[in-house]
N, C-alpha and C. Protein backbone atom coordinates (compact mmCIF):
# COMPACT_ATOMS: atom_id res chain seq x y z
N MET A 1 7.72 22.58 -5.91
CA MET A 1 7.34 21.29 -5.37
C MET A 1 8.39 20.22 -5.67
N LEU A 2 8.90 20.25 -6.89
CA LEU A 2 9.92 19.28 -7.25
C LEU A 2 11.29 19.85 -6.92
N SER A 3 12.16 18.98 -6.43
CA SER A 3 13.52 19.38 -6.15
C SER A 3 14.23 19.65 -7.47
N PRO A 4 14.91 20.79 -7.61
CA PRO A 4 15.56 21.10 -8.88
C PRO A 4 16.66 20.11 -9.24
N LYS A 5 17.24 19.45 -8.25
CA LYS A 5 18.36 18.55 -8.50
C LYS A 5 17.93 17.26 -9.19
N ASP A 6 16.87 16.63 -8.68
CA ASP A 6 16.59 15.27 -9.15
C ASP A 6 15.15 15.02 -9.55
N LYS A 7 14.33 16.04 -9.69
CA LYS A 7 12.95 15.92 -10.13
C LYS A 7 12.06 15.14 -9.16
N THR A 8 12.49 14.90 -7.95
CA THR A 8 11.63 14.22 -6.98
C THR A 8 10.91 15.25 -6.12
N TRP A 9 9.79 14.87 -5.57
CA TRP A 9 9.02 15.76 -4.72
C TRP A 9 9.76 15.96 -3.40
N SER A 10 9.66 17.13 -2.87
CA SER A 10 10.19 17.40 -1.53
C SER A 10 9.38 16.56 -0.54
N PRO A 11 10.05 15.82 0.34
CA PRO A 11 9.30 15.00 1.30
C PRO A 11 8.46 15.86 2.24
N TYR A 12 8.87 17.08 2.48
CA TYR A 12 8.11 17.98 3.36
C TYR A 12 6.80 18.40 2.70
N ILE A 13 6.89 18.75 1.42
CA ILE A 13 5.68 19.16 0.70
C ILE A 13 4.77 17.95 0.48
N ALA A 14 5.35 16.82 0.10
CA ALA A 14 4.53 15.62 -0.11
C ALA A 14 3.84 15.21 1.19
N GLY A 15 4.56 15.28 2.31
CA GLY A 15 3.96 14.94 3.61
C GLY A 15 2.84 15.90 3.99
N ALA A 16 3.08 17.19 3.76
CA ALA A 16 2.05 18.20 4.07
C ALA A 16 0.82 18.00 3.19
N LEU A 17 1.03 17.70 1.91
CA LEU A 17 -0.10 17.46 1.01
C LEU A 17 -0.86 16.19 1.39
N THR A 18 -0.14 15.17 1.84
CA THR A 18 -0.79 13.94 2.30
C THR A 18 -1.66 14.24 3.51
N GLY A 19 -1.13 14.99 4.47
CA GLY A 19 -1.91 15.37 5.65
C GLY A 19 -3.13 16.18 5.28
N LEU A 20 -2.97 17.11 4.36
CA LEU A 20 -4.09 17.92 3.91
C LEU A 20 -5.14 17.05 3.22
N THR A 21 -4.68 16.08 2.44
CA THR A 21 -5.60 15.17 1.76
C THR A 21 -6.41 14.33 2.76
N VAL A 22 -5.75 13.88 3.83
CA VAL A 22 -6.49 13.13 4.86
C VAL A 22 -7.56 14.01 5.49
N VAL A 23 -7.21 15.24 5.83
CA VAL A 23 -8.18 16.16 6.43
C VAL A 23 -9.34 16.41 5.47
N LEU A 24 -9.02 16.68 4.21
CA LEU A 24 -10.08 16.91 3.22
C LEU A 24 -10.95 15.67 3.01
N SER A 25 -10.33 14.49 3.07
CA SER A 25 -11.09 13.25 2.94
C SER A 25 -12.15 13.13 4.03
N VAL A 26 -11.76 13.48 5.25
CA VAL A 26 -12.70 13.42 6.36
C VAL A 26 -13.77 14.50 6.22
N LEU A 27 -13.35 15.71 5.87
CA LEU A 27 -14.31 16.82 5.75
C LEU A 27 -15.29 16.63 4.60
N ILE A 28 -14.80 16.17 3.47
CA ILE A 28 -15.64 16.05 2.28
C ILE A 28 -16.40 14.72 2.23
N ALA A 29 -15.67 13.63 2.43
CA ALA A 29 -16.29 12.30 2.27
C ALA A 29 -16.68 11.65 3.58
N GLY A 30 -16.14 12.17 4.70
CA GLY A 30 -16.45 11.56 5.99
C GLY A 30 -15.70 10.27 6.27
N HIS A 31 -14.59 10.06 5.57
CA HIS A 31 -13.82 8.83 5.74
C HIS A 31 -12.34 9.14 5.92
N PHE A 32 -11.68 8.37 6.80
CA PHE A 32 -10.23 8.42 6.91
C PHE A 32 -9.64 7.49 5.87
N PHE A 33 -8.35 7.66 5.60
CA PHE A 33 -7.66 6.80 4.64
C PHE A 33 -7.72 5.34 5.08
N GLY A 34 -7.66 4.48 4.11
CA GLY A 34 -7.59 3.04 4.35
C GLY A 34 -7.61 2.35 3.00
N ALA A 35 -6.97 1.21 2.90
CA ALA A 35 -6.91 0.54 1.60
C ALA A 35 -7.04 -0.97 1.66
N SER A 36 -6.66 -1.60 2.75
CA SER A 36 -6.57 -3.06 2.75
C SER A 36 -7.92 -3.76 2.56
N THR A 37 -9.00 -3.17 3.01
CA THR A 37 -10.31 -3.79 2.82
C THR A 37 -10.65 -3.88 1.34
N THR A 38 -10.11 -2.96 0.53
CA THR A 38 -10.37 -2.97 -0.91
C THR A 38 -9.92 -4.27 -1.55
N TYR A 39 -8.77 -4.77 -1.12
CA TYR A 39 -8.26 -6.00 -1.73
C TYR A 39 -9.12 -7.20 -1.35
N ALA A 40 -9.59 -7.23 -0.11
CA ALA A 40 -10.49 -8.31 0.30
C ALA A 40 -11.81 -8.20 -0.46
N ARG A 41 -12.33 -6.97 -0.58
CA ARG A 41 -13.58 -6.78 -1.33
C ARG A 41 -13.41 -7.17 -2.79
N SER A 42 -12.27 -6.85 -3.37
CA SER A 42 -12.00 -7.21 -4.77
C SER A 42 -11.98 -8.73 -4.93
N ALA A 43 -11.36 -9.41 -3.97
CA ALA A 43 -11.35 -10.88 -4.01
C ALA A 43 -12.78 -11.41 -3.90
N GLY A 44 -13.59 -10.77 -3.07
CA GLY A 44 -14.99 -11.18 -2.94
C GLY A 44 -15.76 -10.95 -4.23
N MET A 45 -15.51 -9.83 -4.92
CA MET A 45 -16.19 -9.56 -6.20
C MET A 45 -15.80 -10.61 -7.24
N LEU A 46 -14.52 -10.97 -7.24
CA LEU A 46 -14.05 -11.99 -8.17
C LEU A 46 -14.67 -13.35 -7.83
N GLU A 47 -14.70 -13.68 -6.55
CA GLU A 47 -15.26 -14.97 -6.14
C GLU A 47 -16.76 -15.04 -6.42
N LYS A 48 -17.46 -13.90 -6.35
CA LYS A 48 -18.90 -13.88 -6.63
C LYS A 48 -19.21 -14.34 -8.05
N ILE A 49 -18.27 -14.16 -8.95
CA ILE A 49 -18.46 -14.61 -10.33
C ILE A 49 -18.61 -16.13 -10.36
N PHE A 50 -17.85 -16.83 -9.53
CA PHE A 50 -17.82 -18.28 -9.56
C PHE A 50 -18.71 -18.93 -8.50
N SER A 51 -18.87 -18.26 -7.38
CA SER A 51 -19.63 -18.86 -6.28
C SER A 51 -20.35 -17.79 -5.45
N PRO A 52 -21.38 -17.19 -6.02
CA PRO A 52 -22.07 -16.11 -5.31
C PRO A 52 -22.70 -16.56 -3.99
N GLN A 53 -23.17 -17.77 -3.95
CA GLN A 53 -23.80 -18.30 -2.73
C GLN A 53 -22.78 -18.38 -1.60
N HIS A 54 -21.59 -18.86 -1.92
CA HIS A 54 -20.53 -18.98 -0.91
C HIS A 54 -20.16 -17.61 -0.34
N VAL A 55 -20.00 -16.62 -1.22
CA VAL A 55 -19.64 -15.27 -0.79
C VAL A 55 -20.73 -14.69 0.10
N SER A 56 -21.97 -14.88 -0.26
CA SER A 56 -23.08 -14.31 0.53
C SER A 56 -23.19 -14.95 1.91
N GLU A 57 -22.65 -16.14 2.09
CA GLU A 57 -22.73 -16.83 3.38
C GLU A 57 -21.55 -16.51 4.31
N LEU A 58 -20.48 -15.93 3.77
CA LEU A 58 -19.31 -15.63 4.59
C LEU A 58 -19.57 -14.41 5.48
N SER A 59 -19.30 -14.57 6.78
CA SER A 59 -19.56 -13.47 7.72
C SER A 59 -18.73 -12.23 7.39
N TYR A 60 -17.51 -12.42 6.90
CA TYR A 60 -16.66 -11.29 6.55
C TYR A 60 -17.33 -10.44 5.48
N PHE A 61 -17.85 -11.10 4.44
CA PHE A 61 -18.46 -10.36 3.34
C PHE A 61 -19.87 -9.87 3.67
N GLN A 62 -20.42 -10.36 4.76
CA GLN A 62 -21.68 -9.77 5.23
C GLN A 62 -21.40 -8.43 5.88
N LYS A 63 -20.23 -8.33 6.52
CA LYS A 63 -19.82 -7.07 7.15
C LYS A 63 -19.21 -6.11 6.12
N TYR A 64 -18.36 -6.63 5.24
CA TYR A 64 -17.69 -5.84 4.22
C TYR A 64 -18.16 -6.32 2.84
N THR A 65 -19.26 -5.81 2.40
CA THR A 65 -19.87 -6.24 1.14
C THR A 65 -18.90 -6.03 -0.03
N PRO A 66 -18.71 -7.09 -0.84
CA PRO A 66 -17.84 -6.94 -2.02
C PRO A 66 -18.47 -5.99 -3.03
N LYS A 67 -17.93 -4.79 -3.10
CA LYS A 67 -18.48 -3.78 -4.01
C LYS A 67 -17.43 -2.71 -4.28
N ILE A 68 -17.69 -1.94 -5.31
CA ILE A 68 -16.83 -0.79 -5.61
C ILE A 68 -17.38 0.37 -4.79
N ASP A 69 -16.55 0.87 -3.88
CA ASP A 69 -16.96 1.95 -3.00
C ASP A 69 -15.89 3.04 -2.99
N TRP A 70 -15.99 3.98 -2.07
CA TRP A 70 -15.03 5.09 -1.98
C TRP A 70 -13.61 4.58 -1.79
N GLN A 71 -13.44 3.51 -0.99
CA GLN A 71 -12.10 3.01 -0.70
C GLN A 71 -11.49 2.35 -1.94
N TRP A 72 -12.31 1.68 -2.70
CA TRP A 72 -11.86 1.05 -3.93
C TRP A 72 -11.37 2.13 -4.89
N MET A 73 -12.15 3.22 -4.99
CA MET A 73 -11.77 4.33 -5.85
C MET A 73 -10.51 5.04 -5.33
N PHE A 74 -10.34 5.07 -4.01
CA PHE A 74 -9.14 5.64 -3.40
C PHE A 74 -7.90 4.88 -3.87
N VAL A 75 -7.96 3.56 -3.85
CA VAL A 75 -6.83 2.74 -4.28
C VAL A 75 -6.53 2.98 -5.76
N ILE A 76 -7.56 3.04 -6.58
CA ILE A 76 -7.37 3.33 -8.01
C ILE A 76 -6.73 4.71 -8.16
N GLY A 77 -7.19 5.68 -7.37
CA GLY A 77 -6.63 7.03 -7.41
C GLY A 77 -5.17 7.07 -7.01
N VAL A 78 -4.78 6.27 -6.02
CA VAL A 78 -3.38 6.21 -5.60
C VAL A 78 -2.52 5.66 -6.74
N ILE A 79 -3.00 4.62 -7.39
CA ILE A 79 -2.25 4.02 -8.50
C ILE A 79 -2.13 5.01 -9.65
N LEU A 80 -3.26 5.61 -10.05
CA LEU A 80 -3.23 6.58 -11.16
C LEU A 80 -2.43 7.82 -10.80
N GLY A 81 -2.58 8.30 -9.57
CA GLY A 81 -1.84 9.48 -9.13
C GLY A 81 -0.34 9.24 -9.15
N GLY A 82 0.08 8.07 -8.71
CA GLY A 82 1.51 7.74 -8.75
C GLY A 82 2.04 7.69 -10.17
N PHE A 83 1.24 7.09 -11.05
CA PHE A 83 1.64 7.00 -12.45
C PHE A 83 1.73 8.40 -13.08
N ILE A 84 0.68 9.21 -12.89
CA ILE A 84 0.65 10.55 -13.49
C ILE A 84 1.78 11.42 -12.95
N SER A 85 2.01 11.39 -11.63
CA SER A 85 3.07 12.24 -11.08
C SER A 85 4.45 11.80 -11.55
N SER A 86 4.65 10.49 -11.71
CA SER A 86 5.96 10.04 -12.20
C SER A 86 6.17 10.41 -13.66
N LYS A 87 5.09 10.37 -14.45
CA LYS A 87 5.20 10.78 -15.85
C LYS A 87 5.45 12.29 -15.95
N LEU A 88 4.68 13.07 -15.20
CA LEU A 88 4.85 14.53 -15.24
C LEU A 88 6.21 14.96 -14.69
N GLY A 89 6.70 14.25 -13.68
CA GLY A 89 7.99 14.59 -13.09
C GLY A 89 9.17 14.03 -13.84
N GLY A 90 8.89 13.21 -14.85
CA GLY A 90 9.98 12.64 -15.64
C GLY A 90 10.74 11.54 -14.92
N THR A 91 10.12 10.95 -13.90
CA THR A 91 10.81 9.90 -13.14
C THR A 91 10.26 8.51 -13.42
N PHE A 92 9.29 8.40 -14.34
CA PHE A 92 8.71 7.09 -14.64
C PHE A 92 9.78 6.20 -15.24
N LEU A 93 9.85 4.98 -14.74
CA LEU A 93 10.86 4.04 -15.21
C LEU A 93 10.23 2.66 -15.29
N LYS A 94 10.25 2.08 -16.45
CA LYS A 94 9.74 0.72 -16.64
C LYS A 94 10.92 -0.23 -16.45
N GLN A 95 10.89 -0.96 -15.33
CA GLN A 95 12.05 -1.78 -14.99
C GLN A 95 11.57 -3.02 -14.24
N ALA A 96 11.84 -4.19 -14.79
CA ALA A 96 11.41 -5.43 -14.15
C ALA A 96 12.28 -5.78 -12.95
N ILE A 97 13.56 -5.52 -13.04
CA ILE A 97 14.49 -5.87 -11.97
C ILE A 97 15.34 -4.65 -11.61
N PRO A 98 15.12 -4.04 -10.44
CA PRO A 98 15.97 -2.92 -10.02
C PRO A 98 17.40 -3.41 -9.76
N PRO A 99 18.39 -2.53 -9.95
CA PRO A 99 19.79 -2.93 -9.75
C PRO A 99 20.06 -3.52 -8.36
N MET A 100 19.48 -2.94 -7.32
CA MET A 100 19.72 -3.46 -5.97
C MET A 100 19.23 -4.90 -5.83
N TRP A 101 18.08 -5.20 -6.40
CA TRP A 101 17.54 -6.56 -6.36
C TRP A 101 18.42 -7.50 -7.18
N GLU A 102 18.77 -7.07 -8.38
CA GLU A 102 19.59 -7.92 -9.25
C GLU A 102 20.94 -8.22 -8.62
N ASN A 103 21.53 -7.24 -7.96
CA ASN A 103 22.82 -7.44 -7.30
C ASN A 103 22.71 -8.48 -6.19
N ARG A 104 21.58 -8.51 -5.52
CA ARG A 104 21.41 -9.42 -4.38
C ARG A 104 20.89 -10.79 -4.78
N PHE A 105 19.92 -10.83 -5.75
CA PHE A 105 19.24 -12.08 -6.06
C PHE A 105 19.38 -12.55 -7.49
N GLY A 106 19.97 -11.75 -8.34
CA GLY A 106 20.12 -12.15 -9.73
C GLY A 106 19.04 -11.56 -10.63
N PRO A 107 19.11 -11.86 -11.92
CA PRO A 107 18.24 -11.22 -12.91
C PRO A 107 16.89 -11.90 -13.16
N SER A 108 16.52 -12.88 -12.35
CA SER A 108 15.29 -13.65 -12.60
C SER A 108 14.03 -12.83 -12.32
N VAL A 109 13.29 -12.53 -13.39
CA VAL A 109 12.02 -11.82 -13.26
C VAL A 109 11.01 -12.72 -12.55
N LYS A 110 11.05 -14.01 -12.85
CA LYS A 110 10.12 -14.97 -12.24
C LYS A 110 10.30 -15.02 -10.72
N LEU A 111 11.55 -15.08 -10.25
CA LEU A 111 11.82 -15.10 -8.81
C LEU A 111 11.29 -13.83 -8.15
N ARG A 112 11.55 -12.69 -8.76
CA ARG A 112 11.08 -11.43 -8.19
C ARG A 112 9.56 -11.38 -8.15
N ALA A 113 8.91 -11.85 -9.20
CA ALA A 113 7.45 -11.84 -9.24
C ALA A 113 6.86 -12.75 -8.15
N VAL A 114 7.43 -13.92 -8.00
CA VAL A 114 6.93 -14.87 -6.99
C VAL A 114 7.13 -14.29 -5.58
N LEU A 115 8.30 -13.75 -5.32
CA LEU A 115 8.56 -13.19 -3.99
C LEU A 115 7.73 -11.93 -3.72
N ALA A 116 7.55 -11.10 -4.73
CA ALA A 116 6.73 -9.90 -4.56
C ALA A 116 5.28 -10.29 -4.30
N PHE A 117 4.77 -11.26 -5.02
CA PHE A 117 3.40 -11.72 -4.83
C PHE A 117 3.23 -12.33 -3.44
N THR A 118 4.19 -13.17 -3.04
CA THR A 118 4.14 -13.78 -1.71
C THR A 118 4.22 -12.73 -0.62
N GLY A 119 5.12 -11.76 -0.78
CA GLY A 119 5.23 -10.68 0.19
C GLY A 119 3.94 -9.87 0.28
N GLY A 120 3.33 -9.62 -0.86
CA GLY A 120 2.06 -8.89 -0.89
C GLY A 120 0.96 -9.63 -0.14
N ILE A 121 0.91 -10.94 -0.33
CA ILE A 121 -0.08 -11.75 0.38
C ILE A 121 0.15 -11.69 1.88
N LEU A 122 1.40 -11.80 2.30
CA LEU A 122 1.72 -11.74 3.73
C LEU A 122 1.37 -10.38 4.34
N VAL A 123 1.69 -9.31 3.62
CA VAL A 123 1.38 -7.97 4.12
C VAL A 123 -0.14 -7.77 4.20
N LEU A 124 -0.85 -8.21 3.17
CA LEU A 124 -2.30 -8.07 3.18
C LEU A 124 -2.93 -8.90 4.29
N PHE A 125 -2.43 -10.11 4.49
CA PHE A 125 -2.93 -10.96 5.58
C PHE A 125 -2.72 -10.26 6.92
N GLY A 126 -1.52 -9.71 7.12
CA GLY A 126 -1.23 -9.00 8.37
C GLY A 126 -2.11 -7.78 8.54
N ALA A 127 -2.33 -7.06 7.45
CA ALA A 127 -3.18 -5.86 7.52
C ALA A 127 -4.61 -6.23 7.89
N ARG A 128 -5.13 -7.27 7.31
CA ARG A 128 -6.50 -7.68 7.64
C ARG A 128 -6.56 -8.26 9.05
N LEU A 129 -5.52 -8.98 9.47
CA LEU A 129 -5.47 -9.52 10.83
C LEU A 129 -5.45 -8.38 11.85
N ALA A 130 -4.75 -7.30 11.52
CA ALA A 130 -4.65 -6.14 12.41
C ALA A 130 -5.87 -5.23 12.30
N GLY A 131 -6.74 -5.50 11.33
CA GLY A 131 -7.92 -4.66 11.16
C GLY A 131 -7.65 -3.38 10.41
N GLY A 132 -6.55 -3.34 9.66
CA GLY A 132 -6.25 -2.15 8.87
C GLY A 132 -4.81 -2.16 8.38
N CYS A 133 -4.54 -1.24 7.49
CA CYS A 133 -3.23 -1.16 6.84
C CYS A 133 -2.45 0.06 7.33
N PRO A 134 -1.23 0.25 6.84
CA PRO A 134 -0.46 1.42 7.27
C PRO A 134 -1.18 2.75 7.06
N SER A 135 -1.90 2.89 5.95
CA SER A 135 -2.61 4.15 5.74
C SER A 135 -3.77 4.30 6.72
N GLY A 136 -4.44 3.21 7.00
CA GLY A 136 -5.56 3.27 7.95
C GLY A 136 -5.10 3.46 9.38
N HIS A 137 -4.24 2.59 9.84
CA HIS A 137 -3.77 2.68 11.22
C HIS A 137 -2.76 3.80 11.42
N GLY A 138 -1.81 3.89 10.49
CA GLY A 138 -0.73 4.86 10.65
C GLY A 138 -1.15 6.29 10.39
N LEU A 139 -1.46 6.60 9.13
CA LEU A 139 -1.79 7.98 8.78
C LEU A 139 -3.08 8.46 9.46
N SER A 140 -4.13 7.68 9.32
CA SER A 140 -5.40 8.10 9.90
C SER A 140 -5.37 8.07 11.42
N GLY A 141 -4.68 7.11 11.97
CA GLY A 141 -4.56 7.04 13.44
C GLY A 141 -3.75 8.20 14.00
N MET A 142 -2.66 8.54 13.32
CA MET A 142 -1.83 9.66 13.79
C MET A 142 -2.57 10.99 13.72
N ILE A 143 -3.33 11.18 12.65
CA ILE A 143 -4.02 12.45 12.51
C ILE A 143 -5.09 12.63 13.59
N GLN A 144 -5.51 11.51 14.17
CA GLN A 144 -6.48 11.56 15.27
C GLN A 144 -5.77 11.56 16.63
N MET A 145 -4.42 11.62 16.60
CA MET A 145 -3.60 11.58 17.81
C MET A 145 -3.84 10.30 18.61
N SER A 146 -4.05 9.20 17.89
CA SER A 146 -4.31 7.91 18.51
C SER A 146 -2.99 7.23 18.88
N VAL A 147 -2.87 6.82 20.12
CA VAL A 147 -1.66 6.13 20.56
C VAL A 147 -1.45 4.87 19.72
N SER A 148 -2.53 4.14 19.45
CA SER A 148 -2.41 2.92 18.65
C SER A 148 -1.93 3.24 17.23
N GLY A 149 -2.30 4.41 16.68
CA GLY A 149 -1.82 4.82 15.37
C GLY A 149 -0.32 5.03 15.36
N TYR A 150 0.19 5.66 16.40
CA TYR A 150 1.64 5.88 16.51
C TYR A 150 2.37 4.54 16.69
N ILE A 151 1.81 3.68 17.50
CA ILE A 151 2.44 2.36 17.72
C ILE A 151 2.43 1.57 16.42
N ALA A 152 1.30 1.61 15.69
CA ALA A 152 1.21 0.88 14.43
C ALA A 152 2.22 1.42 13.42
N LEU A 153 2.30 2.73 13.27
CA LEU A 153 3.22 3.31 12.31
C LEU A 153 4.68 3.00 12.67
N PHE A 154 5.02 3.10 13.96
CA PHE A 154 6.36 2.73 14.41
C PHE A 154 6.64 1.26 14.07
N SER A 155 5.65 0.40 14.32
CA SER A 155 5.83 -1.03 14.05
C SER A 155 6.03 -1.31 12.56
N PHE A 156 5.27 -0.59 11.70
CA PHE A 156 5.44 -0.78 10.25
C PHE A 156 6.86 -0.42 9.83
N PHE A 157 7.34 0.73 10.30
CA PHE A 157 8.69 1.16 9.94
C PHE A 157 9.75 0.22 10.52
N ALA A 158 9.60 -0.16 11.78
CA ALA A 158 10.57 -1.06 12.41
C ALA A 158 10.60 -2.40 11.67
N GLY A 159 9.43 -2.95 11.36
CA GLY A 159 9.36 -4.21 10.63
C GLY A 159 10.01 -4.09 9.26
N GLY A 160 9.75 -3.00 8.56
CA GLY A 160 10.34 -2.78 7.24
C GLY A 160 11.85 -2.68 7.30
N ILE A 161 12.36 -1.97 8.30
CA ILE A 161 13.81 -1.83 8.45
C ILE A 161 14.45 -3.17 8.77
N ILE A 162 13.83 -3.92 9.66
CA ILE A 162 14.38 -5.24 10.03
C ILE A 162 14.40 -6.18 8.83
N VAL A 163 13.28 -6.26 8.11
CA VAL A 163 13.21 -7.16 6.96
C VAL A 163 14.18 -6.72 5.86
N ALA A 164 14.27 -5.42 5.59
CA ALA A 164 15.22 -4.93 4.57
C ALA A 164 16.65 -5.29 4.96
N ASN A 165 16.98 -5.17 6.24
CA ASN A 165 18.33 -5.53 6.68
C ASN A 165 18.59 -7.02 6.56
N ILE A 166 17.59 -7.82 6.84
CA ILE A 166 17.75 -9.28 6.69
C ILE A 166 17.97 -9.63 5.22
N ILE A 167 17.15 -9.04 4.36
CA ILE A 167 17.22 -9.37 2.93
C ILE A 167 18.48 -8.82 2.27
N TYR A 168 18.82 -7.58 2.57
CA TYR A 168 19.91 -6.92 1.85
C TYR A 168 21.21 -6.75 2.64
N ARG A 169 21.29 -7.33 3.84
CA ARG A 169 22.46 -7.12 4.69
C ARG A 169 23.74 -7.53 4.00
N ARG A 170 23.80 -8.74 3.53
CA ARG A 170 25.00 -9.19 2.85
C ARG A 170 25.11 -8.53 1.49
N GLY A 171 26.29 -8.50 0.98
CA GLY A 171 26.51 -7.89 -0.33
C GLY A 171 25.81 -8.68 -1.42
N GLY A 172 26.25 -8.50 -2.61
CA GLY A 172 25.64 -9.15 -3.76
C GLY A 172 25.98 -10.61 -3.86
N ARG A 173 25.52 -11.19 -4.96
CA ARG A 173 25.79 -12.61 -5.21
C ARG A 173 27.28 -12.79 -5.43
N GLY A 174 27.69 -13.97 -5.21
CA GLY A 174 29.08 -14.24 -5.57
C GLY A 174 29.90 -14.45 -4.42
């Protein structure tokens, strides 16, 4: 499973296992992959602590009740699975600023945190606006041979390539 050269997973095996996991998810749990609703539900659970009446009146949370459900556990599983596989594969690295980022933007952890948080908010907003995330629209849509799934996945990759080129096109600082 791991490449003997660099301890990383073969993309072919990882892709096949991801596809198998989607199929098993549908067969066993009756659900396709998806994650973005979890973040909105988590925000609703947090807000319920301070303003339960407000949360109960929002039409979004009437449709998507703020609760811990299969999707919430899926997100936790993705995080734990990534951590466990990186530890077992010997590729875990605790690093606040990757070299590519530092070369382009400098060593500021605060700048990276602010931009990462802002980027996360924008991606989550877009995912909720689109009614789903890359795993929901892309992976689950493709496995159903959905044209919209293929369009969504192509759009995610195209957008990522464009943004990465805008951000990292020029060389480093200086």
